[in-house]
């Protein structure tokens, strides 16, 4: 059993976060059998503290960190390439719960959104005890600290993603995207591959190292051709 804490502000949430607590936004991973509970005893419910709106500001689309996959898919403001990435989550029930901020923060090696967001040059707004700061996803990955409150996407940005999985309801073996910022990928058992990084795949129950590398190279060529021909 967990003690559930409902802070009044994000600052309060950050102030009480420690090794025994986890933030709760959508809860799709926290409530799954894959979550490593590791003796954690507290849940910090930040659902009411996170912005959920999707709006336009100048040259950018701003998506609140608490926006669900379903609300992103249903928004007329969100570019189609990001809607397609959200649709990789096959369960409509989970799409109604999962948040864009939570999917980024988990930094899973089967992330639905990270490759597309990285390849399109998305910028994060992250709240910490020292204040709010904008940063790239690569910068966020170095410490993974704070709460992601907003995601900024240039209106003229573009990325195309492909996902390979063993069955439609399963997480991906590889999710790779190509956009104006280059190639990015989430490779099961390996991690997140940023533009300019070399893939060093690992064999596991999802496939051999050689199989994952073959998929990566094949999809690279396919996505680059689609990008150049759009």
C-alpha atoms as a PDB file:
ATOM      1  CA  UNK A   1       0.000   0.000   0.000  1.00  0.00           C
ATOM      2  CA  UNK A   2       1.063   3.554  -0.717  1.00  0.00           C
ATOM      3  CA  UNK A   3       0.558   6.806   1.136  1.00  0.00           C
ATOM      4  CA  UNK A   4      -0.851   9.261  -1.418  1.00  0.00           C
ATOM      5  CA  UNK A   5       0.236  12.886  -1.108  1.00  0.00           C
ATOM      6  CA  UNK A   6      -1.566  15.702  -2.971  1.00  0.00           C
ATOM      7  CA  UNK A   7       0.635  18.815  -2.898  1.00  0.00           C
ATOM      8  CA  UNK A   8      -0.806  22.254  -3.602  1.00  0.00           C
ATOM      9  CA  UNK A   9       1.966  23.291  -5.997  1.00  0.00           C
ATOM     10  CA  UNK A  10       4.759  21.765  -8.066  1.00  0.00           C
ATOM     11  CA  UNK A  11       7.260  23.355  -5.688  1.00  0.00           C
ATOM     12  CA  UNK A  12       5.617  21.494  -2.811  1.00  0.00           C
ATOM     13  CA  UNK A  13       5.755  18.268  -4.840  1.00  0.00           C
ATOM     14  CA  UNK A  14       9.459  18.719  -5.534  1.00  0.00           C
ATOM     15  CA  UNK A  15      10.133  19.563  -1.888  1.00  0.00           C
ATOM     16  CA  UNK A  16       8.733  16.259  -0.604  1.00  0.00           C
ATOM     17  CA  UNK A  17      10.149  14.015  -3.334  1.00  0.00           C
ATOM     18  CA  UNK A  18      12.719  11.530  -2.074  1.00  0.00           C
ATOM     19  CA  UNK A  19      13.884   7.979  -2.759  1.00  0.00           C
ATOM     20  CA  UNK A  20      10.740   6.519  -1.197  1.00  0.00           C
ATOM     21  CA  UNK A  21       8.311   8.435  -3.411  1.00  0.00           C
ATOM     22  CA  UNK A  22       7.208   8.512  -7.041  1.00  0.00           C
ATOM     23  CA  UNK A  23       5.336  11.170  -8.966  1.00  0.00           C
ATOM     24  CA  UNK A  24       1.918  10.183 -10.281  1.00  0.00           C
ATOM     25  CA  UNK A  25       0.563  11.850 -13.432  1.00  0.00           C
ATOM     26  CA  UNK A  26      -0.990   9.270 -15.765  1.00  0.00           C
ATOM     27  CA  UNK A  27       0.021   6.224 -13.764  1.00  0.00           C
ATOM     28  CA  UNK A  28       0.193   3.770 -16.668  1.00  0.00           C
ATOM     29  CA  UNK A  29       3.678   2.588 -15.695  1.00  0.00           C
ATOM     30  CA  UNK A  30       3.378   3.078 -11.946  1.00  0.00           C
ATOM     31  CA  UNK A  31       0.382   0.764 -11.823  1.00  0.00           C
ATOM     32  CA  UNK A  32       1.812  -1.834 -14.186  1.00  0.00           C
ATOM     33  CA  UNK A  33       3.479  -5.098 -13.203  1.00  0.00           C
ATOM     34  CA  UNK A  34       6.727  -3.867 -14.807  1.00  0.00           C
ATOM     35  CA  UNK A  35       7.223  -1.023 -12.335  1.00  0.00           C
ATOM     36  CA  UNK A  36      10.174  -1.693  -9.969  1.00  0.00           C
ATOM     37  CA  UNK A  37       8.568  -0.698  -6.674  1.00  0.00           C
ATOM     38  CA  UNK A  38      11.855  -1.102  -4.751  1.00  0.00           C
ATOM     39  CA  UNK A  39      10.271  -0.510  -1.361  1.00  0.00           C
ATOM     40  CA  UNK A  40       8.714   2.831  -2.328  1.00  0.00           C
ATOM     41  CA  UNK A  41       5.967   3.811   0.083  1.00  0.00           C
ATOM     42  CA  UNK A  42       4.587   7.138  -1.185  1.00  0.00           C
ATOM     43  CA  UNK A  43       2.901   8.465  -4.316  1.00  0.00           C
ATOM     44  CA  UNK A  44       2.962  12.203  -5.024  1.00  0.00           C
ATOM     45  CA  UNK A  45      -0.118  12.979  -7.092  1.00  0.00           C
ATOM     46  CA  UNK A  46       0.720  15.898  -9.409  1.00  0.00           C
ATOM     47  CA  UNK A  47      -2.214  15.533 -11.806  1.00  0.00           C
ATOM     48  CA  UNK A  48      -3.822  18.791 -10.639  1.00  0.00           C
ATOM     49  CA  UNK A  49      -0.529  20.689 -10.747  1.00  0.00           C
ATOM     50  CA  UNK A  50       0.435  19.973 -14.337  1.00  0.00           C
ATOM     51  CA  UNK A  51      -0.803  22.073 -17.284  1.00  0.00           C
ATOM     52  CA  UNK A  52      -2.835  20.053 -19.762  1.00  0.00           C
ATOM     53  CA  UNK A  53      -3.612  22.692 -22.379  1.00  0.00           C
ATOM     54  CA  UNK A  54      -2.344  22.716 -25.967  1.00  0.00           C
ATOM     55  CA  UNK A  55      -1.844  26.184 -27.408  1.00  0.00           C
ATOM     56  CA  UNK A  56       0.038  28.235 -29.967  1.00  0.00           C
ATOM     57  CA  UNK A  57       2.652  30.834 -29.068  1.00  0.00           C
ATOM     58  CA  UNK A  58       4.392  32.536 -31.962  1.00  0.00           C
ATOM     59  CA  UNK A  59       6.300  29.917 -33.947  1.00  0.00           C
ATOM     60  CA  UNK A  60       5.647  27.141 -31.412  1.00  0.00           C
ATOM     61  CA  UNK A  61       3.017  24.642 -30.335  1.00  0.00           C
ATOM     62  CA  UNK A  62       3.054  24.358 -26.534  1.00  0.00           C
ATOM     63  CA  UNK A  63       1.812  21.099 -25.009  1.00  0.00           C
ATOM     64  CA  UNK A  64       1.237  20.863 -21.265  1.00  0.00           C
ATOM     65  CA  UNK A  65       3.140  18.073 -19.548  1.00  0.00           C
ATOM     66  CA  UNK A  66      -0.145  16.661 -18.250  1.00  0.00           C
ATOM     67  CA  UNK A  67      -1.734  16.390 -21.709  1.00  0.00           C
ATOM     68  CA  UNK A  68      -2.757  12.814 -22.450  1.00  0.00           C
ATOM     69  CA  UNK A  69      -1.970  10.901 -25.624  1.00  0.00           C
ATOM     70  CA  UNK A  70      -5.680  11.033 -26.518  1.00  0.00           C
ATOM     71  CA  UNK A  71      -5.906  14.810 -26.110  1.00  0.00           C
ATOM     72  CA  UNK A  72      -2.814  15.245 -28.303  1.00  0.00           C
ATOM     73  CA  UNK A  73      -4.283  13.007 -31.017  1.00  0.00           C
ATOM     74  CA  UNK A  74      -7.549  14.947 -30.856  1.00  0.00           C
ATOM     75  CA  UNK A  75      -6.017  18.435 -31.008  1.00  0.00           C
ATOM     76  CA  UNK A  76      -6.178  20.402 -34.262  1.00  0.00           C
ATOM     77  CA  UNK A  77      -3.032  22.296 -33.221  1.00  0.00           C
ATOM     78  CA  UNK A  78      -0.702  19.294 -32.910  1.00  0.00           C
ATOM     79  CA  UNK A  79       1.263  18.338 -36.040  1.00  0.00           C
ATOM     80  CA  UNK A  80       0.311  15.017 -37.596  1.00  0.00           C
ATOM     81  CA  UNK A  81       3.727  13.415 -37.030  1.00  0.00           C
ATOM     82  CA  UNK A  82       3.327  13.678 -33.249  1.00  0.00           C
ATOM     83  CA  UNK A  83      -0.232  12.342 -33.415  1.00  0.00           C
ATOM     84  CA  UNK A  84       1.103   9.321 -35.317  1.00  0.00           C
ATOM     85  CA  UNK A  85       3.690   8.701 -32.590  1.00  0.00           C
ATOM     86  CA  UNK A  86       1.010   8.891 -29.879  1.00  0.00           C
ATOM     87  CA  UNK A  87      -1.062   6.374 -31.852  1.00  0.00           C
ATOM     88  CA  UNK A  88       1.760   3.825 -31.479  1.00  0.00           C
ATOM     89  CA  UNK A  89       0.192   3.197 -28.051  1.00  0.00           C
ATOM     90  CA  UNK A  90      -2.437   0.736 -29.227  1.00  0.00           C
ATOM     91  CA  UNK A  91      -4.714   0.743 -26.164  1.00  0.00           C
ATOM     92  CA  UNK A  92      -7.300   3.540 -26.133  1.00  0.00           C
ATOM     93  CA  UNK A  93      -7.662   3.093 -22.362  1.00  0.00           C
ATOM     94  CA  UNK A  94      -3.961   3.743 -21.841  1.00  0.00           C
ATOM     95  CA  UNK A  95      -3.973   6.661 -24.297  1.00  0.00           C
ATOM     96  CA  UNK A  96      -6.655   8.284 -22.133  1.00  0.00           C
ATOM     97  CA  UNK A  97      -4.348   8.012 -19.108  1.00  0.00           C
ATOM     98  CA  UNK A  98      -0.747   8.337 -20.314  1.00  0.00           C
ATOM     99  CA  UNK A  99       0.756  11.842 -20.321  1.00  0.00           C
ATOM    100  CA  UNK A 100       3.387  13.238 -22.642  1.00  0.00           C
ATOM    101  CA  UNK A 101       5.473  14.501 -19.715  1.00  0.00           C
ATOM    102  CA  UNK A 102       5.404  11.132 -18.000  1.00  0.00           C
ATOM    103  CA  UNK A 103       6.405   9.264 -21.156  1.00  0.00           C
ATOM    104  CA  UNK A 104       9.433  11.510 -21.551  1.00  0.00           C
ATOM    105  CA  UNK A 105      10.403  11.417 -17.869  1.00  0.00           C
ATOM    106  CA  UNK A 106      10.400   7.616 -17.723  1.00  0.00           C
ATOM    107  CA  UNK A 107      13.040   7.548 -20.481  1.00  0.00           C
ATOM    108  CA  UNK A 108      12.175   3.958 -21.307  1.00  0.00           C
ATOM    109  CA  UNK A 109      13.995   2.062 -24.035  1.00  0.00           C
ATOM    110  CA  UNK A 110      10.625   1.369 -25.681  1.00  0.00           C
ATOM    111  CA  UNK A 111       9.310   4.941 -25.483  1.00  0.00           C
ATOM    112  CA  UNK A 112       6.542   5.792 -27.927  1.00  0.00           C
ATOM    113  CA  UNK A 113       7.408   9.485 -28.152  1.00  0.00           C
ATOM    114  CA  UNK A 114      11.082  10.155 -27.404  1.00  0.00           C
ATOM    115  CA  UNK A 115      12.505   9.369 -30.879  1.00  0.00           C
ATOM    116  CA  UNK A 116       9.936  11.610 -32.596  1.00  0.00           C
ATOM    117  CA  UNK A 117      10.364  14.452 -30.100  1.00  0.00           C
ATOM    118  CA  UNK A 118      14.166  14.315 -30.260  1.00  0.00           C
ATOM    119  CA  UNK A 119      14.257  14.143 -34.057  1.00  0.00           C
ATOM    120  CA  UNK A 120      11.907  17.121 -34.343  1.00  0.00           C
ATOM    121  CA  UNK A 121      13.952  19.265 -31.946  1.00  0.00           C
ATOM    122  CA  UNK A 122      11.377  19.519 -29.151  1.00  0.00           C
ATOM    123  CA  UNK A 123      12.268  21.702 -26.154  1.00  0.00           C
ATOM    124  CA  UNK A 124      11.257  20.899 -22.576  1.00  0.00           C
ATOM    125  CA  UNK A 125      10.262  23.294 -19.833  1.00  0.00           C
ATOM    126  CA  UNK A 126      11.362  21.699 -16.555  1.00  0.00           C
ATOM    127  CA  UNK A 127      10.429  22.844 -13.057  1.00  0.00           C
ATOM    128  CA  UNK A 128      12.928  22.246 -10.252  1.00  0.00           C
ATOM    129  CA  UNK A 129      13.498  23.655  -6.775  1.00  0.00           C
ATOM    130  CA  UNK A 130      15.795  26.267  -8.324  1.00  0.00           C
ATOM    131  CA  UNK A 131      13.142  27.440 -10.797  1.00  0.00           C
ATOM    132  CA  UNK A 132      12.013  26.748 -14.336  1.00  0.00           C
ATOM    133  CA  UNK A 133      14.438  26.100 -17.172  1.00  0.00           C
ATOM    134  CA  UNK A 134      14.118  25.266 -20.847  1.00  0.00           C
ATOM    135  CA  UNK A 135      16.328  22.495 -22.185  1.00  0.00           C
ATOM    136  CA  UNK A 136      16.670  19.918 -24.931  1.00  0.00           C
ATOM    137  CA  UNK A 137      15.760  16.303 -24.273  1.00  0.00           C
ATOM    138  CA  UNK A 138      19.462  15.438 -24.463  1.00  0.00           C
ATOM    139  CA  UNK A 139      20.174  17.950 -21.689  1.00  0.00           C
ATOM    140  CA  UNK A 140      17.316  16.560 -19.598  1.00  0.00           C
ATOM    141  CA  UNK A 141      18.667  13.023 -20.037  1.00  0.00           C
ATOM    142  CA  UNK A 142      21.903  13.904 -18.243  1.00  0.00           C
ATOM    143  CA  UNK A 143      20.218  14.194 -14.827  1.00  0.00           C
ATOM    144  CA  UNK A 144      16.499  13.474 -15.344  1.00  0.00           C
ATOM    145  CA  UNK A 145      15.655  15.841 -12.499  1.00  0.00           C
ATOM    146  CA  UNK A 146      12.620  18.046 -12.015  1.00  0.00           C
ATOM    147  CA  UNK A 147       9.082  17.912 -13.409  1.00  0.00           C
ATOM    148  CA  UNK A 148       8.412  18.390 -17.124  1.00  0.00           C
ATOM    149  CA  UNK A 149       5.705  21.039 -17.314  1.00  0.00           C
ATOM    150  CA  UNK A 150       5.610  21.860 -21.041  1.00  0.00           C
ATOM    151  CA  UNK A 151       6.898  20.648 -24.402  1.00  0.00           C
ATOM    152  CA  UNK A 152       7.588  23.158 -27.172  1.00  0.00           C
ATOM    153  CA  UNK A 153       7.513  22.081 -30.819  1.00  0.00           C
ATOM    154  CA  UNK A 154       8.271  24.407 -33.716  1.00  0.00           C
ATOM    155  CA  UNK A 155       5.301  24.767 -36.049  1.00  0.00           C
ATOM    156  CA  UNK A 156       7.536  24.077 -39.034  1.00  0.00           C
ATOM    157  CA  UNK A 157       9.239  21.021 -37.477  1.00  0.00           C
ATOM    158  CA  UNK A 158       8.905  17.553 -38.922  1.00  0.00           C
ATOM    159  CA  UNK A 159       9.765  13.966 -38.078  1.00  0.00           C
ATOM    160  CA  UNK A 160       8.714  10.572 -39.355  1.00  0.00           C
ATOM    161  CA  UNK A 161       8.837   7.484 -37.160  1.00  0.00           C
ATOM    162  CA  UNK A 162       8.585   3.741 -37.621  1.00  0.00           C
ATOM    163  CA  UNK A 163       8.011   1.197 -34.908  1.00  0.00           C
ATOM    164  CA  UNK A 164       8.727  -2.540 -34.979  1.00  0.00           C
ATOM    165  CA  UNK A 165       7.261  -4.870 -32.354  1.00  0.00           C
ATOM    166  CA  UNK A 166       6.509  -8.548 -32.028  1.00  0.00           C
ATOM    167  CA  UNK A 167       2.741  -7.961 -31.707  1.00  0.00           C
ATOM    168  CA  UNK A 168       0.500  -4.910 -31.959  1.00  0.00           C
ATOM    169  CA  UNK A 169      -0.236  -4.836 -28.224  1.00  0.00           C
ATOM    170  CA  UNK A 170       3.431  -5.159 -27.198  1.00  0.00           C
ATOM    171  CA  UNK A 171       6.094  -2.531 -26.636  1.00  0.00           C
ATOM    172  CA  UNK A 172       8.548  -1.922 -29.452  1.00  0.00           C
ATOM    173  CA  UNK A 173      11.775  -3.710 -30.270  1.00  0.00           C
ATOM    174  CA  UNK A 174      12.822  -0.515 -32.027  1.00  0.00           C
ATOM    175  CA  UNK A 175      11.210   2.875 -32.525  1.00  0.00           C
ATOM    176  CA  UNK A 176      13.213   5.122 -34.839  1.00  0.00           C
ATOM    177  CA  UNK A 177      12.489   8.627 -36.118  1.00  0.00           C
ATOM    178  CA  UNK A 178      14.126  10.973 -38.585  1.00  0.00           C
ATOM    179  CA  UNK A 179      13.538  14.693 -38.667  1.00  0.00           C
ATOM    180  CA  UNK A 180      15.222  18.030 -39.174  1.00  0.00           C
ATOM    181  CA  UNK A 181      17.455  17.322 -36.144  1.00  0.00           C
ATOM    182  CA  UNK A 182      18.567  13.908 -37.448  1.00  0.00           C
ATOM    183  CA  UNK A 183      17.946  10.308 -36.403  1.00  0.00           C
ATOM    184  CA  UNK A 184      16.851   9.236 -32.919  1.00  0.00           C
ATOM    185  CA  UNK A 185      15.734   5.843 -31.671  1.00  0.00           C
ATOM    186  CA  UNK A 186      14.524   3.842 -28.693  1.00  0.00           C
ATOM    187  CA  UNK A 187      15.999   0.338 -28.858  1.00  0.00           C
ATOM    188  CA  UNK A 188      14.804  -2.310 -26.428  1.00  0.00           C
ATOM    189  CA  UNK A 189      17.590  -3.498 -24.137  1.00  0.00           C
ATOM    190  CA  UNK A 190      19.886  -0.705 -25.320  1.00  0.00           C
ATOM    191  CA  UNK A 191      18.307   2.671 -24.560  1.00  0.00           C
ATOM    192  CA  UNK A 192      17.729   5.991 -26.287  1.00  0.00           C
ATOM    193  CA  UNK A 193      19.976   6.791 -29.250  1.00  0.00           C
ATOM    194  CA  UNK A 194      20.443  10.511 -29.919  1.00  0.00           C
ATOM    195  CA  UNK A 195      21.364  12.051 -33.300  1.00  0.00           C
ATOM    196  CA  UNK A 196      25.028  11.406 -34.079  1.00  0.00           C
ATOM    197  CA  UNK A 197      25.349   8.491 -31.650  1.00  0.00           C
ATOM    198  CA  UNK A 198      26.264   4.984 -32.752  1.00  0.00           C
ATOM    199  CA  UNK A 199      23.950   2.096 -32.012  1.00  0.00           C
ATOM    200  CA  UNK A 200      25.521  -0.626 -29.873  1.00  0.00           C
ATOM    201  CA  UNK A 201      22.632  -3.055 -29.595  1.00  0.00           C
ATOM    202  CA  UNK A 202      22.388  -5.900 -27.105  1.00  0.00           C
ATOM    203  CA  UNK A 203      20.827  -9.320 -27.523  1.00  0.00           C
ATOM    204  CA  UNK A 204      17.872 -10.176 -25.301  1.00  0.00           C
ATOM    205  CA  UNK A 205      14.457 -11.823 -25.416  1.00  0.00           C
ATOM    206  CA  UNK A 206      13.305  -9.189 -27.926  1.00  0.00           C
ATOM    207  CA  UNK A 207      15.905 -10.096 -30.521  1.00  0.00           C
ATOM    208  CA  UNK A 208      19.563 -10.650 -31.236  1.00  0.00           C
ATOM    209  CA  UNK A 209      22.015  -7.790 -31.511  1.00  0.00           C
ATOM    210  CA  UNK A 210      22.390  -8.374 -35.262  1.00  0.00           C
ATOM    211  CA  UNK A 211      18.616  -8.312 -35.774  1.00  0.00           C
ATOM    212  CA  UNK A 212      18.220  -4.965 -34.014  1.00  0.00           C
ATOM    213  CA  UNK A 213      21.117  -3.458 -35.941  1.00  0.00           C
ATOM    214  CA  UNK A 214      19.630  -4.709 -39.215  1.00  0.00           C
ATOM    215  CA  UNK A 215      16.283  -3.090 -38.358  1.00  0.00           C
ATOM    216  CA  UNK A 216      18.004   0.155 -37.435  1.00  0.00           C
ATOM    217  CA  UNK A 217      19.959   0.429 -40.690  1.00  0.00           C
ATOM    218  CA  UNK A 218      16.991  -0.613 -42.836  1.00  0.00           C
ATOM    219  CA  UNK A 219      14.634   1.868 -41.207  1.00  0.00           C
ATOM    220  CA  UNK A 220      17.257   4.627 -41.385  1.00  0.00           C
ATOM    221  CA  UNK A 221      17.314   4.338 -45.167  1.00  0.00           C
ATOM    222  CA  UNK A 222      13.528   4.159 -45.417  1.00  0.00           C
ATOM    223  CA  UNK A 223      12.931   7.201 -43.214  1.00  0.00           C
ATOM    224  CA  UNK A 224      15.588   9.316 -44.874  1.00  0.00           C
ATOM    225  CA  UNK A 225      14.060   8.616 -48.274  1.00  0.00           C
ATOM    226  CA  UNK A 226      10.604   9.557 -46.970  1.00  0.00           C
ATOM    227  CA  UNK A 227      11.972  12.734 -45.374  1.00  0.00           C
ATOM    228  CA  UNK A 228      13.843  13.847 -48.482  1.00  0.00           C
ATOM    229  CA  UNK A 229      10.862  13.118 -50.702  1.00  0.00           C
ATOM    230  CA  UNK A 230       8.164  14.839 -48.685  1.00  0.00           C
END
